[in-house]
């Protein structure tokens, strides 16, 4: 997605009401990652879009959601070549 938006969507099953955590649903863990991606919440917390400025590198981030039952954070990364 170099130079384009990266989008995360939550698709709830029946009886679920998960949404991205208000303050850090997608949170890049380094200053370089926060500079490379500008994120904003959409659809009442059901989607987050991050504009990828195309900076080369590997950027670790955390995914945090709220809802029941609680789930632990997920820690993947984005790689720009």
N, C-alpha and C. Protein backbone atom coordinates (compact mmCIF):
# COMPACT_ATOMS: atom_id res chain seq x y z
N UNK A 1 0.82 -1.20 0.00
CA UNK A 1 0.00 0.00 0.00
C UNK A 1 0.86 1.25 0.00
N UNK A 2 2.08 1.14 -0.45
CA UNK A 2 3.00 2.29 -0.44
C UNK A 2 2.39 3.49 -1.16
N UNK A 3 2.20 4.57 -0.43
CA UNK A 3 1.63 5.77 -1.01
C UNK A 3 0.11 5.79 -1.03
N UNK A 4 -0.53 4.76 -0.53
CA UNK A 4 -1.99 4.66 -0.52
C UNK A 4 -2.47 4.39 0.90
N UNK A 5 -3.77 4.47 1.10
CA UNK A 5 -4.34 4.20 2.42
C UNK A 5 -4.32 2.71 2.72
N UNK A 6 -4.05 2.38 3.97
CA UNK A 6 -4.19 1.03 4.49
C UNK A 6 -5.43 1.08 5.38
N UNK A 7 -6.35 0.14 5.19
CA UNK A 7 -7.63 0.19 5.90
C UNK A 7 -7.86 -1.12 6.66
N UNK A 8 -8.27 -0.99 7.91
CA UNK A 8 -8.64 -2.13 8.75
C UNK A 8 -10.14 -2.02 9.02
N UNK A 9 -10.88 -3.12 8.82
CA UNK A 9 -12.32 -3.17 9.08
C UNK A 9 -12.61 -4.25 10.11
N UNK A 10 -13.55 -3.97 10.98
CA UNK A 10 -14.04 -4.99 11.91
C UNK A 10 -15.36 -5.51 11.36
N UNK A 11 -15.46 -6.83 11.24
CA UNK A 11 -16.70 -7.47 10.81
C UNK A 11 -17.17 -8.33 11.98
N UNK A 12 -18.22 -7.88 12.63
CA UNK A 12 -18.75 -8.59 13.79
C UNK A 12 -19.67 -9.73 13.37
N UNK A 13 -19.57 -10.86 14.06
CA UNK A 13 -20.53 -11.95 13.91
C UNK A 13 -21.76 -11.64 14.75
N UNK A 14 -22.81 -12.41 14.59
CA UNK A 14 -24.03 -12.20 15.36
C UNK A 14 -23.71 -12.16 16.85
N UNK A 15 -24.22 -11.17 17.55
CA UNK A 15 -24.02 -11.04 18.98
C UNK A 15 -22.74 -10.35 19.39
N UNK A 16 -21.88 -10.00 18.45
CA UNK A 16 -20.64 -9.30 18.76
C UNK A 16 -20.81 -7.80 18.54
N UNK A 17 -20.03 -7.01 19.27
CA UNK A 17 -20.09 -5.56 19.10
C UNK A 17 -18.70 -4.96 19.22
N UNK A 18 -17.72 -5.59 18.59
CA UNK A 18 -16.35 -5.09 18.65
C UNK A 18 -16.21 -3.81 17.85
N UNK A 19 -15.32 -2.94 18.32
CA UNK A 19 -14.91 -1.76 17.56
C UNK A 19 -13.48 -1.45 17.97
N UNK A 20 -12.81 -0.63 17.18
CA UNK A 20 -11.45 -0.26 17.51
C UNK A 20 -11.45 0.60 18.76
N UNK A 21 -10.42 0.41 19.61
CA UNK A 21 -10.27 1.22 20.81
C UNK A 21 -10.19 2.69 20.39
N UNK A 22 -10.88 3.55 21.11
CA UNK A 22 -11.01 4.95 20.72
C UNK A 22 -9.69 5.67 20.53
N UNK A 23 -8.76 5.49 21.45
CA UNK A 23 -7.55 6.30 21.39
C UNK A 23 -6.38 5.65 20.66
N UNK A 24 -6.39 4.34 20.51
CA UNK A 24 -5.23 3.68 19.89
C UNK A 24 -5.61 2.37 19.22
N UNK A 25 -6.66 2.37 18.43
CA UNK A 25 -7.09 1.15 17.74
C UNK A 25 -6.00 0.60 16.84
N UNK A 26 -5.34 1.47 16.10
CA UNK A 26 -4.13 1.14 15.35
C UNK A 26 -3.08 2.13 15.82
N UNK A 27 -2.05 1.64 16.47
CA UNK A 27 -1.03 2.53 17.04
C UNK A 27 0.35 2.07 16.62
N UNK A 28 1.03 2.89 15.83
CA UNK A 28 2.40 2.58 15.43
C UNK A 28 3.32 2.81 16.61
N UNK A 29 4.27 1.89 16.81
CA UNK A 29 5.04 1.84 18.05
C UNK A 29 6.27 2.73 18.08
N UNK A 30 6.67 3.25 16.93
CA UNK A 30 7.86 4.10 16.90
C UNK A 30 7.50 5.45 16.31
N UNK A 31 8.36 6.42 16.57
CA UNK A 31 8.17 7.75 15.99
C UNK A 31 8.20 7.67 14.47
N UNK A 32 9.10 6.84 13.92
CA UNK A 32 9.18 6.68 12.46
C UNK A 32 7.87 6.14 11.90
N UNK A 33 7.26 5.18 12.58
CA UNK A 33 5.98 4.64 12.13
C UNK A 33 4.86 5.67 12.23
N UNK A 34 4.85 6.44 13.31
CA UNK A 34 3.82 7.48 13.46
C UNK A 34 3.99 8.58 12.42
N UNK A 35 5.22 8.83 11.97
CA UNK A 35 5.44 9.82 10.91
C UNK A 35 5.09 9.27 9.54
N UNK A 36 5.26 7.96 9.33
CA UNK A 36 5.01 7.34 8.03
C UNK A 36 3.52 7.11 7.77
N UNK A 37 2.71 7.01 8.83
CA UNK A 37 1.29 6.69 8.70
C UNK A 37 0.46 7.68 9.51
N UNK A 38 -0.54 8.25 8.88
CA UNK A 38 -1.50 9.13 9.57
C UNK A 38 -2.84 8.42 9.57
N UNK A 39 -3.35 8.12 10.77
CA UNK A 39 -4.54 7.28 10.91
C UNK A 39 -5.73 8.07 11.43
N UNK A 40 -6.92 7.61 11.04
CA UNK A 40 -8.14 8.19 11.61
C UNK A 40 -9.22 7.11 11.65
N UNK A 41 -10.11 7.25 12.64
CA UNK A 41 -11.20 6.31 12.85
C UNK A 41 -12.36 6.69 11.93
N UNK A 42 -13.02 5.68 11.38
CA UNK A 42 -14.20 5.88 10.53
C UNK A 42 -15.30 4.93 10.99
N UNK A 43 -16.50 5.16 10.51
CA UNK A 43 -17.66 4.29 10.76
C UNK A 43 -17.85 3.96 12.25
N UNK A 44 -17.83 4.98 13.10
CA UNK A 44 -18.09 4.82 14.53
C UNK A 44 -17.19 3.77 15.18
N UNK A 45 -15.94 3.72 14.76
CA UNK A 45 -14.99 2.79 15.36
C UNK A 45 -14.89 1.45 14.66
N UNK A 46 -15.66 1.23 13.60
CA UNK A 46 -15.63 -0.03 12.88
C UNK A 46 -14.56 -0.12 11.83
N UNK A 47 -13.93 1.01 11.53
CA UNK A 47 -12.87 1.02 10.51
C UNK A 47 -11.84 2.07 10.88
N UNK A 48 -10.59 1.78 10.58
CA UNK A 48 -9.51 2.75 10.70
C UNK A 48 -8.77 2.78 9.38
N UNK A 49 -8.51 3.98 8.88
CA UNK A 49 -7.75 4.16 7.65
C UNK A 49 -6.47 4.92 7.99
N UNK A 50 -5.35 4.46 7.46
CA UNK A 50 -4.06 5.11 7.67
C UNK A 50 -3.47 5.44 6.31
N UNK A 51 -3.18 6.73 6.08
CA UNK A 51 -2.50 7.13 4.86
C UNK A 51 -1.04 6.75 4.98
N UNK A 52 -0.57 5.96 4.03
CA UNK A 52 0.80 5.48 3.99
C UNK A 52 1.61 6.46 3.16
N UNK A 53 2.52 7.17 3.79
CA UNK A 53 3.32 8.17 3.08
C UNK A 53 4.42 7.55 2.22
N UNK A 54 4.56 6.23 2.28
CA UNK A 54 5.50 5.54 1.40
C UNK A 54 6.93 5.48 1.90
N UNK A 55 7.16 5.84 3.14
CA UNK A 55 8.50 5.77 3.71
C UNK A 55 8.97 4.32 3.75
N UNK A 56 10.17 4.06 3.24
CA UNK A 56 10.70 2.69 3.24
C UNK A 56 11.01 2.26 4.67
N UNK A 57 10.73 0.99 4.97
CA UNK A 57 11.05 0.46 6.28
C UNK A 57 10.03 -0.55 6.76
N UNK A 58 10.27 -1.07 7.95
CA UNK A 58 9.37 -2.00 8.62
C UNK A 58 8.81 -1.29 9.84
N UNK A 59 7.49 -1.28 9.99
CA UNK A 59 6.84 -0.50 11.03
C UNK A 59 5.89 -1.40 11.83
N UNK A 60 6.25 -1.64 13.09
CA UNK A 60 5.41 -2.45 13.96
C UNK A 60 4.30 -1.58 14.53
N UNK A 61 3.12 -2.18 14.68
CA UNK A 61 1.98 -1.46 15.25
C UNK A 61 1.16 -2.40 16.10
N UNK A 62 0.31 -1.86 16.91
CA UNK A 62 -0.60 -2.64 17.73
C UNK A 62 -2.03 -2.43 17.29
N UNK A 63 -2.82 -3.49 17.34
CA UNK A 63 -4.26 -3.42 17.04
C UNK A 63 -4.99 -3.68 18.35
N UNK A 64 -5.83 -2.74 18.75
CA UNK A 64 -6.58 -2.89 19.99
C UNK A 64 -8.06 -2.66 19.71
N UNK A 65 -8.87 -3.60 20.19
CA UNK A 65 -10.31 -3.48 20.03
C UNK A 65 -10.99 -3.54 21.38
N UNK A 66 -12.19 -2.97 21.45
CA UNK A 66 -13.01 -3.09 22.66
C UNK A 66 -14.22 -3.92 22.31
N UNK A 67 -14.76 -4.60 23.29
CA UNK A 67 -15.92 -5.47 23.09
C UNK A 67 -15.79 -6.69 23.99
N UNK A 68 -16.81 -7.51 23.96
CA UNK A 68 -16.83 -8.70 24.82
C UNK A 68 -16.98 -9.95 23.96
N UNK A 69 -16.32 -11.03 24.28
CA UNK A 69 -15.31 -11.12 25.33
C UNK A 69 -14.06 -10.33 24.93
N UNK A 70 -13.29 -9.90 25.92
CA UNK A 70 -12.10 -9.12 25.62
C UNK A 70 -11.09 -9.98 24.86
N UNK A 71 -10.31 -9.32 24.05
CA UNK A 71 -9.27 -10.00 23.27
C UNK A 71 -7.95 -9.26 23.49
N UNK A 72 -6.83 -9.98 23.47
CA UNK A 72 -5.53 -9.33 23.67
C UNK A 72 -5.15 -8.53 22.42
N UNK A 73 -4.25 -7.54 22.58
CA UNK A 73 -3.77 -6.78 21.41
C UNK A 73 -3.03 -7.70 20.45
N UNK A 74 -3.06 -7.34 19.19
CA UNK A 74 -2.33 -8.04 18.14
C UNK A 74 -1.19 -7.12 17.71
N UNK A 75 0.00 -7.66 17.47
CA UNK A 75 1.17 -6.85 17.15
C UNK A 75 1.81 -7.23 15.82
N UNK A 76 1.20 -6.86 14.71
CA UNK A 76 1.80 -7.13 13.38
C UNK A 76 2.67 -5.96 12.94
N UNK A 77 3.04 -5.93 11.66
CA UNK A 77 3.87 -4.86 11.12
C UNK A 77 3.52 -4.63 9.65
N UNK A 78 3.94 -3.46 9.15
CA UNK A 78 3.81 -3.09 7.75
C UNK A 78 5.22 -2.98 7.21
N UNK A 79 5.45 -3.50 5.99
CA UNK A 79 6.76 -3.38 5.36
C UNK A 79 6.59 -2.60 4.06
N UNK A 80 7.28 -1.49 3.94
CA UNK A 80 7.33 -0.69 2.71
C UNK A 80 8.67 -0.92 2.06
N UNK A 81 8.66 -1.28 0.78
CA UNK A 81 9.91 -1.47 0.04
C UNK A 81 10.22 -0.25 -0.78
